[in-house]
Structures are given as structure tokens and as C-alpha cells.
Amino acid sequence: MSRGVETASGEQVAAVSNAIVRILSECYGRGPTKAKTYVFDNYVVCVLEDFLTTVERTLVEYGREELVRTVRLTFQEAVADRFTSAVAEIMGREIVAYHSQVTFDPPMGFEIFVLKDE
């Protein structure tokens, strides 16, 4: 049986958002100003707003979105264990898949985790 929205506590959801913001702040020197986490069945999705650094915003304004995406996603892969470990601990379940994505219109980030079936 999969874990549904009703079984994820508000504390867990808030803790995931806080952990992701903390890790991003430590890694990038600034974190998003808004983060909201959703839990559906075996999926945890954290949506991030106002997360780009000054350098990244400048590059996006210069039309270099793909460069920013490439650097950010490569870096996210390098530190993926920090994200997966934090979410696994908070949710009390193993992470079987993790993906990070960034969009620029609108500028948003997405951290997506798949939890192991119970």
C-alpha cells in the first residue's frame, strides 16, 4: 500500500521545505525565498521560487538559460546525496529516485523524490 497525502504530517512537509532551503543556502550562498512541498503517494515534490543567484539572474537576462540550467543541474547531481539523505530521514523512507529541474519563465526550481514502497 502506498503512503498518501493524508499520512504525511504537516511537520514532515515543512521539514522537507526547510531542509531543501537550508542545503541550497549552504551550497549557493542564498536559498529560495519561497518553498512549498507536496507529498502524494510515494512522491515528494518541493517547488522553489526566487532561488536564482545574482550571477544566474544576470546570465538569464543575457539569454544564457541553458548555461544556468546545465551548471545548476550538474551541481545538484554532485550534491544529490545531501538532498536524498535529508528527505529520507524526514519521511522515514528510502529514496529510490531523485530529480532536480529548473525553469526560467517563470523562474522556478523543482526537487522531486520518489519514496520506496512501504
PDB file of N, CA and C in Angstrom:
ATOM      1  N   MET A   1       0.857  -1.191   0.000  1.00  0.00           N
ATOM      2  CA  MET A   1       0.000   0.000   0.000  1.00  0.00           C
ATOM      3  C   MET A   1       0.892   1.239   0.000  1.00  0.00           C
ATOM      4  N   SER A   2       0.569   2.195  -0.808  1.00  0.00           N
ATOM      5  CA  SER A   2       1.376   3.409  -0.876  1.00  0.00           C
ATOM      6  C   SER A   2       0.911   4.420   0.156  1.00  0.00           C
ATOM      7  N   ARG A   3       1.818   5.285   0.498  1.00  0.00           N
ATOM      8  CA  ARG A   3       1.558   6.305   1.505  1.00  0.00           C
ATOM      9  C   ARG A   3       0.913   7.495   0.809  1.00  0.00           C
ATOM     10  N   GLY A   4      -0.237   7.930   1.255  1.00  0.00           N
ATOM     11  CA  GLY A   4      -0.956   9.027   0.621  1.00  0.00           C
ATOM     12  C   GLY A   4      -0.719  10.348   1.297  1.00  0.00           C
ATOM     13  N   VAL A   5      -1.319  11.383   0.744  1.00  0.00           N
ATOM     14  CA  VAL A   5      -1.184  12.732   1.268  1.00  0.00           C
ATOM     15  C   VAL A   5      -1.584  12.780   2.731  1.00  0.00           C
ATOM     16  N   GLU A   6      -2.636  12.070   3.080  1.00  0.00           N
ATOM     17  CA  GLU A   6      -3.161  12.139   4.432  1.00  0.00           C
ATOM     18  C   GLU A   6      -2.195  11.593   5.485  1.00  0.00           C
ATOM     19  N   THR A   7      -1.180  10.815   5.078  1.00  0.00           N
ATOM     20  CA  THR A   7      -0.271  10.242   6.054  1.00  0.00           C
ATOM     21  C   THR A   7       1.000  11.071   6.249  1.00  0.00           C
ATOM     22  N   ALA A   8       1.216  12.066   5.425  1.00  0.00           N
ATOM     23  CA  ALA A   8       2.375  12.947   5.593  1.00  0.00           C
ATOM     24  C   ALA A   8       1.958  14.073   6.529  1.00  0.00           C
ATOM     25  N   SER A   9       2.651  14.194   7.635  1.00  0.00           N
ATOM     26  CA  SER A   9       2.286  15.225   8.596  1.00  0.00           C
ATOM     27  C   SER A   9       2.711  16.605   8.104  1.00  0.00           C
ATOM     28  N   GLY A  10       2.052  17.617   8.623  1.00  0.00           N
ATOM     29  CA  GLY A  10       2.436  18.991   8.319  1.00  0.00           C
ATOM     30  C   GLY A  10       3.859  19.270   8.736  1.00  0.00           C
ATOM     31  N   GLU A  11       4.277  18.638   9.840  1.00  0.00           N
ATOM     32  CA  GLU A  11       5.656  18.810  10.310  1.00  0.00           C
ATOM     33  C   GLU A  11       6.646  18.245   9.308  1.00  0.00           C
ATOM     34  N   GLN A  12       6.332  17.079   8.740  1.00  0.00           N
ATOM     35  CA  GLN A  12       7.220  16.472   7.746  1.00  0.00           C
ATOM     36  C   GLN A  12       7.327  17.349   6.501  1.00  0.00           C
ATOM     37  N   VAL A  13       6.195  17.816   6.025  1.00  0.00           N
ATOM     38  CA  VAL A  13       6.170  18.644   4.818  1.00  0.00           C
ATOM     39  C   VAL A  13       6.981  19.917   5.038  1.00  0.00           C
ATOM     40  N   ALA A  14       6.782  20.570   6.161  1.00  0.00           N
ATOM     41  CA  ALA A  14       7.542  21.787   6.483  1.00  0.00           C
ATOM     42  C   ALA A  14       9.026  21.477   6.649  1.00  0.00           C
ATOM     43  N   ALA A  15       9.334  20.344   7.268  1.00  0.00           N
ATOM     44  CA  ALA A  15      10.735  19.971   7.477  1.00  0.00           C
ATOM     45  C   ALA A  15      11.449  19.720   6.153  1.00  0.00           C
ATOM     46  N   VAL A  16      10.760  19.121   5.180  1.00  0.00           N
ATOM     47  CA  VAL A  16      11.368  18.906   3.863  1.00  0.00           C
ATOM     48  C   VAL A  16      11.675  20.257   3.216  1.00  0.00           C
ATOM     49  N   SER A  17      10.702  21.172   3.220  1.00  0.00           N
ATOM     50  CA  SER A  17      10.941  22.503   2.646  1.00  0.00           C
ATOM     51  C   SER A  17      12.120  23.178   3.320  1.00  0.00           C
ATOM     52  N   ASN A  18      12.142  23.153   4.644  1.00  0.00           N
ATOM     53  CA  ASN A  18      13.219  23.806   5.396  1.00  0.00           C
ATOM     54  C   ASN A  18      14.580  23.181   5.105  1.00  0.00           C
ATOM     55  N   ALA A  19      14.626  21.860   5.001  1.00  0.00           N
ATOM     56  CA  ALA A  19      15.893  21.181   4.727  1.00  0.00           C
ATOM     57  C   ALA A  19      16.415  21.546   3.350  1.00  0.00           C
ATOM     58  N   ILE A  20      15.538  21.561   2.365  1.00  0.00           N
ATOM     59  CA  ILE A  20      15.971  21.891   0.999  1.00  0.00           C
ATOM     60  C   ILE A  20      16.453  23.333   0.930  1.00  0.00           C
ATOM     61  N   VAL A  21      15.733  24.245   1.553  1.00  0.00           N
ATOM     62  CA  VAL A  21      16.164  25.648   1.577  1.00  0.00           C
ATOM     63  C   VAL A  21      17.520  25.772   2.275  1.00  0.00           C
ATOM     64  N   ARG A  22      17.699  25.069   3.390  1.00  0.00           N
ATOM     65  CA  ARG A  22      18.962  25.130   4.132  1.00  0.00           C
ATOM     66  C   ARG A  22      20.121  24.624   3.271  1.00  0.00           C
ATOM     67  N   ILE A  23      19.937  23.486   2.614  1.00  0.00           N
ATOM     68  CA  ILE A  23      21.001  22.918   1.789  1.00  0.00           C
ATOM     69  C   ILE A  23      21.336  23.857   0.626  1.00  0.00           C
ATOM     70  N   LEU A  24      20.323  24.383  -0.026  1.00  0.00           N
ATOM     71  CA  LEU A  24      20.575  25.321  -1.133  1.00  0.00           C
ATOM     72  C   LEU A  24      21.293  26.571  -0.641  1.00  0.00           C
ATOM     73  N   SER A  25      20.910  27.074   0.525  1.00  0.00           N
ATOM     74  CA  SER A  25      21.578  28.257   1.088  1.00  0.00           C
ATOM     75  C   SER A  25      23.047  27.975   1.352  1.00  0.00           C
ATOM     76  N   GLU A  26      23.325  26.793   1.909  1.00  0.00           N
ATOM     77  CA  GLU A  26      24.706  26.424   2.204  1.00  0.00           C
ATOM     78  C   GLU A  26      25.520  26.258   0.916  1.00  0.00           C
ATOM     79  N   CYS A  27      24.913  25.695  -0.111  1.00  0.00           N
ATOM     80  CA  CYS A  27      25.632  25.402  -1.355  1.00  0.00           C
ATOM     81  C   CYS A  27      25.784  26.612  -2.273  1.00  0.00           C
ATOM     82  N   TYR A  28      24.763  27.466  -2.326  1.00  0.00           N
ATOM     83  CA  TYR A  28      24.751  28.573  -3.284  1.00  0.00           C
ATOM     84  C   TYR A  28      24.986  29.938  -2.653  1.00  0.00           C
ATOM     85  N   GLY A  29      25.020  30.001  -1.341  1.00  0.00           N
ATOM     86  CA  GLY A  29      25.198  31.285  -0.683  1.00  0.00           C
ATOM     87  C   GLY A  29      23.894  32.035  -0.482  1.00  0.00           C
ATOM     88  N   ARG A  30      22.824  31.507  -1.045  1.00  0.00           N
ATOM     89  CA  ARG A  30      21.477  32.039  -0.843  1.00  0.00           C
ATOM     90  C   ARG A  30      20.504  30.941  -1.215  1.00  0.00           C
ATOM     91  N   GLY A  31      19.389  30.945  -0.532  1.00  0.00           N
ATOM     92  CA  GLY A  31      18.359  29.956  -0.828  1.00  0.00           C
ATOM     93  C   GLY A  31      17.135  30.627  -1.396  1.00  0.00           C
ATOM     94  N   PRO A  32      16.162  29.837  -1.777  1.00  0.00           N
ATOM     95  CA  PRO A  32      14.915  30.402  -2.283  1.00  0.00           C
ATOM     96  C   PRO A  32      14.185  31.159  -1.185  1.00  0.00           C
ATOM     97  N   THR A  33      13.391  32.153  -1.572  1.00  0.00           N
ATOM     98  CA  THR A  33      12.608  32.884  -0.573  1.00  0.00           C
ATOM     99  C   THR A  33      11.259  32.221  -0.345  1.00  0.00           C
ATOM    100  N   LYS A  34      10.899  31.285  -1.224  1.00  0.00           N
ATOM    101  CA  LYS A  34       9.637  30.577  -1.062  1.00  0.00           C
ATOM    102  C   LYS A  34       9.836  29.123  -1.462  1.00  0.00           C
ATOM    103  N   ALA A  35       9.390  28.222  -0.602  1.00  0.00           N
ATOM    104  CA  ALA A  35       9.468  26.791  -0.890  1.00  0.00           C
ATOM    105  C   ALA A  35       8.213  26.128  -0.357  1.00  0.00           C
ATOM    106  N   LYS A  36       7.618  25.298  -1.166  1.00  0.00           N
ATOM    107  CA  LYS A  36       6.421  24.572  -0.739  1.00  0.00           C
ATOM    108  C   LYS A  36       6.566  23.131  -1.184  1.00  0.00           C
ATOM    109  N   THR A  37       6.309  22.217  -0.254  1.00  0.00           N
ATOM    110  CA  THR A  37       6.462  20.795  -0.521  1.00  0.00           C
ATOM    111  C   THR A  37       5.099  20.122  -0.562  1.00  0.00           C
ATOM    112  N   TYR A  38       4.976  19.206  -1.512  1.00  0.00           N
ATOM    113  CA  TYR A  38       3.755  18.418  -1.677  1.00  0.00           C
ATOM    114  C   TYR A  38       4.136  16.950  -1.588  1.00  0.00           C
ATOM    115  N   VAL A  39       3.301  16.163  -0.913  1.00  0.00           N
ATOM    116  CA  VAL A  39       3.514  14.727  -0.813  1.00  0.00           C
ATOM    117  C   VAL A  39       2.271  14.029  -1.343  1.00  0.00           C
ATOM    118  N   PHE A  40       2.484  13.194  -2.359  1.00  0.00           N
ATOM    119  CA  PHE A  40       1.400  12.426  -2.972  1.00  0.00           C
ATOM    120  C   PHE A  40       1.878  10.989  -3.112  1.00  0.00           C
ATOM    121  N   ASP A  41       1.190  10.075  -2.469  1.00  0.00           N
ATOM    122  CA  ASP A  41       1.570   8.661  -2.532  1.00  0.00           C
ATOM    123  C   ASP A  41       3.068   8.523  -2.224  1.00  0.00           C
ATOM    124  N   ASN A  42       3.846   8.051  -3.197  1.00  0.00           N
ATOM    125  CA  ASN A  42       5.289   7.855  -2.988  1.00  0.00           C
ATOM    126  C   ASN A  42       6.131   9.007  -3.526  1.00  0.00           C
ATOM    127  N   TYR A  43       5.506  10.138  -3.774  1.00  0.00           N
ATOM    128  CA  TYR A  43       6.209  11.256  -4.410  1.00  0.00           C
ATOM    129  C   TYR A  43       6.268  12.466  -3.485  1.00  0.00           C
ATOM    130  N   VAL A  44       7.445  13.063  -3.436  1.00  0.00           N
ATOM    131  CA  VAL A  44       7.656  14.299  -2.689  1.00  0.00           C
ATOM    132  C   VAL A  44       8.184  15.320  -3.693  1.00  0.00           C
ATOM    133  N   VAL A  45       7.476  16.443  -3.817  1.00  0.00           N
ATOM    134  CA  VAL A  45       7.872  17.485  -4.755  1.00  0.00           C
ATOM    135  C   VAL A  45       7.986  18.797  -3.987  1.00  0.00           C
ATOM    136  N   CYS A  46       9.141  19.420  -4.077  1.00  0.00           N
ATOM    137  CA  CYS A  46       9.340  20.727  -3.450  1.00  0.00           C
ATOM    138  C   CYS A  46       9.484  21.754  -4.572  1.00  0.00           C
ATOM    139  N   VAL A  47       8.617  22.766  -4.529  1.00  0.00           N
ATOM    140  CA  VAL A  47       8.604  23.823  -5.532  1.00  0.00           C
ATOM    141  C   VAL A  47       9.282  25.056  -4.928  1.00  0.00           C
ATOM    142  N   LEU A  48      10.248  25.599  -5.646  1.00  0.00           N
ATOM    143  CA  LEU A  48      11.065  26.705  -5.144  1.00  0.00           C
ATOM    144  C   LEU A  48      10.868  27.949  -6.006  1.00  0.00           C
ATOM    145  N   GLU A  49      10.754  29.088  -5.349  1.00  0.00           N
ATOM    146  CA  GLU A  49      10.637  30.357  -6.060  1.00  0.00           C
ATOM    147  C   GLU A  49      11.708  31.317  -5.563  1.00  0.00           C
ATOM    148  N   ASP A  50      12.070  32.260  -6.408  1.00  0.00           N
ATOM    149  CA  ASP A  50      13.106  33.252  -6.100  1.00  0.00           C
ATOM    150  C   ASP A  50      14.361  32.555  -5.570  1.00  0.00           C
ATOM    151  N   PHE A  51      14.923  31.705  -6.401  1.00  0.00           N
ATOM    152  CA  PHE A  51      16.050  30.875  -5.980  1.00  0.00           C
ATOM    153  C   PHE A  51      17.343  31.147  -6.746  1.00  0.00           C
ATOM    154  N   LEU A  52      17.276  31.888  -7.835  1.00  0.00           N
ATOM    155  CA  LEU A  52      18.469  32.133  -8.631  1.00  0.00           C
ATOM    156  C   LEU A  52      19.410  33.114  -7.932  1.00  0.00           C
ATOM    157  N   THR A  53      20.692  32.885  -8.105  1.00  0.00           N
ATOM    158  CA  THR A  53      21.688  33.814  -7.579  1.00  0.00           C
ATOM    159  C   THR A  53      21.742  35.042  -8.480  1.00  0.00           C
ATOM    160  N   THR A  54      22.427  36.063  -8.042  1.00  0.00           N
ATOM    161  CA  THR A  54      22.585  37.276  -8.847  1.00  0.00           C
ATOM    162  C   THR A  54      23.273  36.962 -10.170  1.00  0.00           C
ATOM    163  N   VAL A  55      24.302  36.136 -10.136  1.00  0.00           N
ATOM    164  CA  VAL A  55      25.016  35.752 -11.352  1.00  0.00           C
ATOM    165  C   VAL A  55      24.068  35.008 -12.295  1.00  0.00           C
ATOM    166  N   GLU A  56      23.292  34.077 -11.759  1.00  0.00           N
ATOM    167  CA  GLU A  56      22.363  33.319 -12.597  1.00  0.00           C
ATOM    168  C   GLU A  56      21.296  34.218 -13.213  1.00  0.00           C
ATOM    169  N   ARG A  57      20.767  35.144 -12.432  1.00  0.00           N
ATOM    170  CA  ARG A  57      19.759  36.079 -12.971  1.00  0.00           C
ATOM    171  C   ARG A  57      20.354  36.909 -14.106  1.00  0.00           C
ATOM    172  N   THR A  58      21.597  37.341 -13.935  1.00  0.00           N
ATOM    173  CA  THR A  58      22.269  38.124 -14.976  1.00  0.00           C
ATOM    174  C   THR A  58      22.431  37.293 -16.246  1.00  0.00           C
ATOM    175  N   LEU A  59      22.848  36.050 -16.106  1.00  0.00           N
ATOM    176  CA  LEU A  59      23.006  35.181 -17.266  1.00  0.00           C
ATOM    177  C   LEU A  59      21.668  34.918 -17.964  1.00  0.00           C
ATOM    178  N   VAL A  60      20.610  34.738 -17.186  1.00  0.00           N
ATOM    179  CA  VAL A  60      19.280  34.537 -17.774  1.00  0.00           C
ATOM    180  C   VAL A  60      18.866  35.775 -18.555  1.00  0.00           C
ATOM    181  N   GLU A  61      19.095  36.960 -17.990  1.00  0.00           N
ATOM    182  CA  GLU A  61      18.768  38.208 -18.689  1.00  0.00           C
ATOM    183  C   GLU A  61      19.569  38.342 -19.983  1.00  0.00           C
ATOM    184  N   TYR A  62      20.754  37.760 -20.013  1.00  0.00           N
ATOM    185  CA  TYR A  62      21.633  37.790 -21.178  1.00  0.00           C
ATOM    186  C   TYR A  62      21.280  36.684 -22.182  1.00  0.00           C
ATOM    187  N   GLY A  63      20.258  35.885 -21.859  1.00  0.00           N
ATOM    188  CA  GLY A  63      19.815  34.832 -22.764  1.00  0.00           C
ATOM    189  C   GLY A  63      20.546  33.512 -22.619  1.00  0.00           C
ATOM    190  N   ARG A  64      21.202  33.299 -21.488  1.00  0.00           N
ATOM    191  CA  ARG A  64      22.005  32.087 -21.287  1.00  0.00           C
ATOM    192  C   ARG A  64      21.334  31.095 -20.325  1.00  0.00           C
ATOM    193  N   GLU A  65      20.027  30.897 -20.500  1.00  0.00           N
ATOM    194  CA  GLU A  65      19.279  29.986 -19.633  1.00  0.00           C
ATOM    195  C   GLU A  65      19.868  28.578 -19.621  1.00  0.00           C
ATOM    196  N   GLU A  66      20.243  28.079 -20.794  1.00  0.00           N
ATOM    197  CA  GLU A  66      20.758  26.706 -20.874  1.00  0.00           C
ATOM    198  C   GLU A  66      22.061  26.542 -20.097  1.00  0.00           C
ATOM    199  N   LEU A  67      22.896  27.569 -20.083  1.00  0.00           N
ATOM    200  CA  LEU A  67      24.127  27.515 -19.299  1.00  0.00           C
ATOM    201  C   LEU A  67      23.793  27.419 -17.813  1.00  0.00           C
ATOM    202  N   VAL A  68      22.869  28.257 -17.372  1.00  0.00           N
ATOM    203  CA  VAL A  68      22.460  28.226 -15.961  1.00  0.00           C
ATOM    204  C   VAL A  68      21.872  26.858 -15.626  1.00  0.00           C
ATOM    205  N   ARG A  69      20.998  26.340 -16.483  1.00  0.00           N
ATOM    206  CA  ARG A  69      20.379  25.029 -16.238  1.00  0.00           C
ATOM    207  C   ARG A  69      21.454  23.944 -16.155  1.00  0.00           C
ATOM    208  N   THR A  70      22.393  23.943 -17.094  1.00  0.00           N
ATOM    209  CA  THR A  70      23.439  22.925 -17.114  1.00  0.00           C
ATOM    210  C   THR A  70      24.287  22.960 -15.846  1.00  0.00           C
ATOM    211  N   VAL A  71      24.718  24.140 -15.459  1.00  0.00           N
ATOM    212  CA  VAL A  71      25.552  24.267 -14.257  1.00  0.00           C
ATOM    213  C   VAL A  71      24.763  23.869 -13.016  1.00  0.00           C
ATOM    214  N   ARG A  72      23.552  24.364 -12.904  1.00  0.00           N
ATOM    215  CA  ARG A  72      22.747  24.080 -11.711  1.00  0.00           C
ATOM    216  C   ARG A  72      22.427  22.588 -11.603  1.00  0.00           C
ATOM    217  N   LEU A  73      22.011  21.963 -12.686  1.00  0.00           N
ATOM    218  CA  LEU A  73      21.658  20.543 -12.628  1.00  0.00           C
ATOM    219  C   LEU A  73      22.888  19.667 -12.413  1.00  0.00           C
ATOM    220  N   THR A  74      24.022  20.050 -12.982  1.00  0.00           N
ATOM    221  CA  THR A  74      25.261  19.311 -12.736  1.00  0.00           C
ATOM    222  C   THR A  74      25.658  19.402 -11.280  1.00  0.00           C
ATOM    223  N   PHE A  75      25.540  20.590 -10.711  1.00  0.00           N
ATOM    224  CA  PHE A  75      25.861  20.769  -9.300  1.00  0.00           C
ATOM    225  C   PHE A  75      24.888  19.975  -8.422  1.00  0.00           C
ATOM    226  N   GLN A  76      23.593  20.006  -8.762  1.00  0.00           N
ATOM    227  CA  GLN A  76      22.597  19.257  -7.988  1.00  0.00           C
ATOM    228  C   GLN A  76      22.934  17.767  -7.983  1.00  0.00           C
ATOM    229  N   GLU A  77      23.391  17.234  -9.110  1.00  0.00           N
ATOM    230  CA  GLU A  77      23.790  15.827  -9.156  1.00  0.00           C
ATOM    231  C   GLU A  77      24.959  15.569  -8.210  1.00  0.00           C
ATOM    232  N   ALA A  78      25.889  16.517  -8.151  1.00  0.00           N
ATOM    233  CA  ALA A  78      27.072  16.352  -7.307  1.00  0.00           C
ATOM    234  C   ALA A  78      26.731  16.331  -5.823  1.00  0.00           C
ATOM    235  N   VAL A  79      25.663  17.011  -5.430  1.00  0.00           N
ATOM    236  CA  VAL A  79      25.288  17.068  -4.017  1.00  0.00           C
ATOM    237  C   VAL A  79      23.960  16.350  -3.744  1.00  0.00           C
ATOM    238  N   ALA A  80      23.553  15.494  -4.664  1.00  0.00           N
ATOM    239  CA  ALA A  80      22.258  14.807  -4.546  1.00  0.00           C
ATOM    240  C   ALA A  80      22.124  14.041  -3.240  1.00  0.00           C
ATOM    241  N   ASP A  81      23.215  13.453  -2.760  1.00  0.00           N
ATOM    242  CA  ASP A  81      23.122  12.669  -1.528  1.00  0.00           C
ATOM    243  C   ASP A  81      22.697  13.515  -0.335  1.00  0.00           C
ATOM    244  N   ARG A  82      23.036  14.790  -0.326  1.00  0.00           N
ATOM    245  CA  ARG A  82      22.596  15.667   0.773  1.00  0.00           C
ATOM    246  C   ARG A  82      21.077  15.811   0.760  1.00  0.00           C
ATOM    247  N   PHE A  83      20.506  15.980  -0.428  1.00  0.00           N
ATOM    248  CA  PHE A  83      19.061  16.131  -0.551  1.00  0.00           C
ATOM    249  C   PHE A  83      18.338  14.825  -0.232  1.00  0.00           C
ATOM    250  N   THR A  84      18.809  13.732  -0.822  1.00  0.00           N
ATOM    251  CA  THR A  84      18.121  12.459  -0.615  1.00  0.00           C
ATOM    252  C   THR A  84      18.233  11.985   0.833  1.00  0.00           C
ATOM    253  N   SER A  85      19.371  12.192   1.457  1.00  0.00           N
ATOM    254  CA  SER A  85      19.533  11.799   2.858  1.00  0.00           C
ATOM    255  C   SER A  85      18.595  12.583   3.767  1.00  0.00           C
ATOM    256  N   ALA A  86      18.502  13.884   3.523  1.00  0.00           N
ATOM    257  CA  ALA A  86      17.633  14.724   4.359  1.00  0.00           C
ATOM    258  C   ALA A  86      16.171  14.321   4.211  1.00  0.00           C
ATOM    259  N   VAL A  87      15.719  14.130   2.976  1.00  0.00           N
ATOM    260  CA  VAL A  87      14.315  13.780   2.747  1.00  0.00           C
ATOM    261  C   VAL A  87      14.017  12.376   3.274  1.00  0.00           C
ATOM    262  N   ALA A  88      14.929  11.440   3.079  1.00  0.00           N
ATOM    263  CA  ALA A  88      14.727  10.077   3.590  1.00  0.00           C
ATOM    264  C   ALA A  88      14.585  10.086   5.106  1.00  0.00           C
ATOM    265  N   GLU A  89      15.431  10.853   5.770  1.00  0.00           N
ATOM    266  CA  GLU A  89      15.365  10.926   7.235  1.00  0.00           C
ATOM    267  C   GLU A  89      14.046  11.540   7.698  1.00  0.00           C
ATOM    268  N   ILE A  90      13.635  12.623   7.076  1.00  0.00           N
ATOM    269  CA  ILE A  90      12.399  13.309   7.464  1.00  0.00           C
ATOM    270  C   ILE A  90      11.182  12.433   7.207  1.00  0.00           C
ATOM    271  N   MET A  91      11.146  11.795   6.043  1.00  0.00           N
ATOM    272  CA  MET A  91       9.979  10.993   5.664  1.00  0.00           C
ATOM    273  C   MET A  91      10.012   9.593   6.269  1.00  0.00           C
ATOM    274  N   GLY A  92      11.169   9.182   6.753  1.00  0.00           N
ATOM    275  CA  GLY A  92      11.288   7.850   7.337  1.00  0.00           C
ATOM    276  C   GLY A  92      11.208   6.745   6.296  1.00  0.00           C
ATOM    277  N   ARG A  93      11.593   7.064   5.071  1.00  0.00           N
ATOM    278  CA  ARG A  93      11.532   6.102   3.968  1.00  0.00           C
ATOM    279  C   ARG A  93      12.717   6.306   3.037  1.00  0.00           C
ATOM    280  N   GLU A  94      13.132   5.229   2.412  1.00  0.00           N
ATOM    281  CA  GLU A  94      14.236   5.274   1.460  1.00  0.00           C
ATOM    282  C   GLU A  94      13.817   6.018   0.191  1.00  0.00           C
ATOM    283  N   ILE A  95      14.767   6.738  -0.387  1.00  0.00           N
ATOM    284  CA  ILE A  95      14.544   7.430  -1.658  1.00  0.00           C
ATOM    285  C   ILE A  95      15.048   6.503  -2.769  1.00  0.00           C
ATOM    286  N   VAL A  96      14.184   6.211  -3.755  1.00  0.00           N
ATOM    287  CA  VAL A  96      14.593   5.337  -4.858  1.00  0.00           C
ATOM    288  C   VAL A  96      14.921   6.124  -6.124  1.00  0.00           C
ATOM    289  N   ALA A  97      14.489   7.372  -6.191  1.00  0.00           N
ATOM    290  CA  ALA A  97      14.825   8.212  -7.342  1.00  0.00           C
ATOM    291  C   ALA A  97      14.752   9.677  -6.916  1.00  0.00           C
ATOM    292  N   TYR A  98      15.604  10.491  -7.539  1.00  0.00           N
ATOM    293  CA  TYR A  98      15.656  11.925  -7.255  1.00  0.00           C
ATOM    294  C   TYR A  98      15.939  12.660  -8.557  1.00  0.00           C
ATOM    295  N   HIS A  99      15.260  13.773  -8.749  1.00  0.00           N
ATOM    296  CA  HIS A  99      15.497  14.602  -9.927  1.00  0.00           C
ATOM    297  C   HIS A  99      15.314  16.065  -9.541  1.00  0.00           C
ATOM    298  N   SER A 100      16.151  16.910 -10.107  1.00  0.00           N
ATOM    299  CA  SER A 100      16.066  18.345  -9.886  1.00  0.00           C
ATOM    300  C   SER A 100      15.829  19.002 -11.239  1.00  0.00           C
ATOM    301  N   GLN A 101      15.018  20.053 -11.258  1.00  0.00           N
ATOM    302  CA  GLN A 101      14.747  20.753 -12.511  1.00  0.00           C
ATOM    303  C   GLN A 101      14.597  22.243 -12.239  1.00  0.00           C
ATOM    304  N   VAL A 102      14.877  23.035 -13.261  1.00  0.00           N
ATOM    305  CA  VAL A 102      14.769  24.485 -13.165  1.00  0.00           C
ATOM    306  C   VAL A 102      14.061  25.003 -14.418  1.00  0.00           C
ATOM    307  N   THR A 103      13.186  25.980 -14.224  1.00  0.00           N
ATOM    308  CA  THR A 103      12.552  26.664 -15.345  1.00  0.00           C
ATOM    309  C   THR A 103      12.836  28.153 -15.190  1.00  0.00           C
ATOM    310  N   PHE A 104      12.690  28.907 -16.276  1.00  0.00           N
ATOM    311  CA  PHE A 104      13.023  30.324 -16.223  1.00  0.00           C
ATOM    312  C   PHE A 104      11.861  31.245 -16.533  1.00  0.00           C
ATOM    313  N   ASP A 105      10.791  30.726 -17.075  1.00  0.00           N
ATOM    314  CA  ASP A 105       9.633  31.560 -17.395  1.00  0.00           C
ATOM    315  C   ASP A 105       8.366  30.822 -17.007  1.00  0.00           C
ATOM    316  N   PRO A 106       8.017  30.848 -15.734  1.00  0.00           N
ATOM    317  CA  PRO A 106       8.575  31.649 -14.645  1.00  0.00           C
ATOM    318  C   PRO A 106       9.803  30.967 -14.029  1.00  0.00           C
ATOM    319  N   PRO A 107      10.634  31.739 -13.325  1.00  0.00           N
ATOM    320  CA  PRO A 107      11.807  31.162 -12.677  1.00  0.00           C
ATOM    321  C   PRO A 107      11.395  30.342 -11.451  1.00  0.00           C
ATOM    322  N   MET A 108      11.514  29.020 -11.587  1.00  0.00           N
ATOM    323  CA  MET A 108      11.138  28.113 -10.505  1.00  0.00           C
ATOM    324  C   MET A 108      12.071  26.914 -10.507  1.00  0.00           C
ATOM    325  N   GLY A 109      12.238  26.336  -9.330  1.00  0.00           N
ATOM    326  CA  GLY A 109      13.011  25.113  -9.195  1.00  0.00           C
ATOM    327  C   GLY A 109      12.117  24.019  -8.643  1.00  0.00           C
ATOM    328  N   PHE A 110      12.446  22.790  -8.979  1.00  0.00           N
ATOM    329  CA  PHE A 110      11.669  21.637  -8.530  1.00  0.00           C
ATOM    330  C   PHE A 110      12.616  20.551  -8.059  1.00  0.00           C
ATOM    331  N   GLU A 111      12.401  20.078  -6.848  1.00  0.00           N
ATOM    332  CA  GLU A 111      13.156  18.945  -6.316  1.00  0.00           C
ATOM    333  C   GLU A 111      12.140  17.819  -6.172  1.00  0.00           C
ATOM    334  N   ILE A 112      12.390  16.711  -6.866  1.00  0.00           N
ATOM    335  CA  ILE A 112      11.416  15.623  -6.950  1.00  0.00           C
ATOM    336  C   ILE A 112      12.057  14.348  -6.395  1.00  0.00           C
ATOM    337  N   PHE A 113      11.345  13.703  -5.477  1.00  0.00           N
ATOM    338  CA  PHE A 113      11.837  12.486  -4.831  1.00  0.00           C
ATOM    339  C   PHE A 113      10.777  11.399  -4.964  1.00  0.00           C
ATOM    340  N   VAL A 114      11.236  10.191  -5.205  1.00  0.00           N
ATOM    341  CA  VAL A 114      10.350   9.026  -5.222  1.00  0.00           C
ATOM    342  C   VAL A 114      10.724   8.171  -4.017  1.00  0.00           C
ATOM    343  N   LEU A 115       9.739   7.921  -3.162  1.00  0.00           N
ATOM    344  CA  LEU A 115       9.947   7.122  -1.962  1.00  0.00           C
ATOM    345  C   LEU A 115       9.751   5.642  -2.269  1.00  0.00           C
ATOM    346  N   LYS A 116      10.496   4.799  -1.582  1.00  0.00           N
ATOM    347  CA  LYS A 116      10.341   3.364  -1.732  1.00  0.00           C
ATOM    348  C   LYS A 116       8.985   2.952  -1.188  1.00  0.00           C
ATOM    349  N   ASP A 117       8.344   1.995  -1.870  1.00  0.00           N
ATOM    350  CA  ASP A 117       7.062   1.470  -1.382  1.00  0.00           C
ATOM    351  C   ASP A 117       7.234   0.947   0.026  1.00  0.00           C
ATOM    352  N   GLU A 118       6.200   1.108   0.796  1.00  0.00           N
ATOM    353  CA  GLU A 118       6.243   0.599   2.186  1.00  0.00           C
ATOM    354  C   GLU A 118       6.063  -0.882   2.220  1.00  0.00           C
TER     355      GLU A 118
END
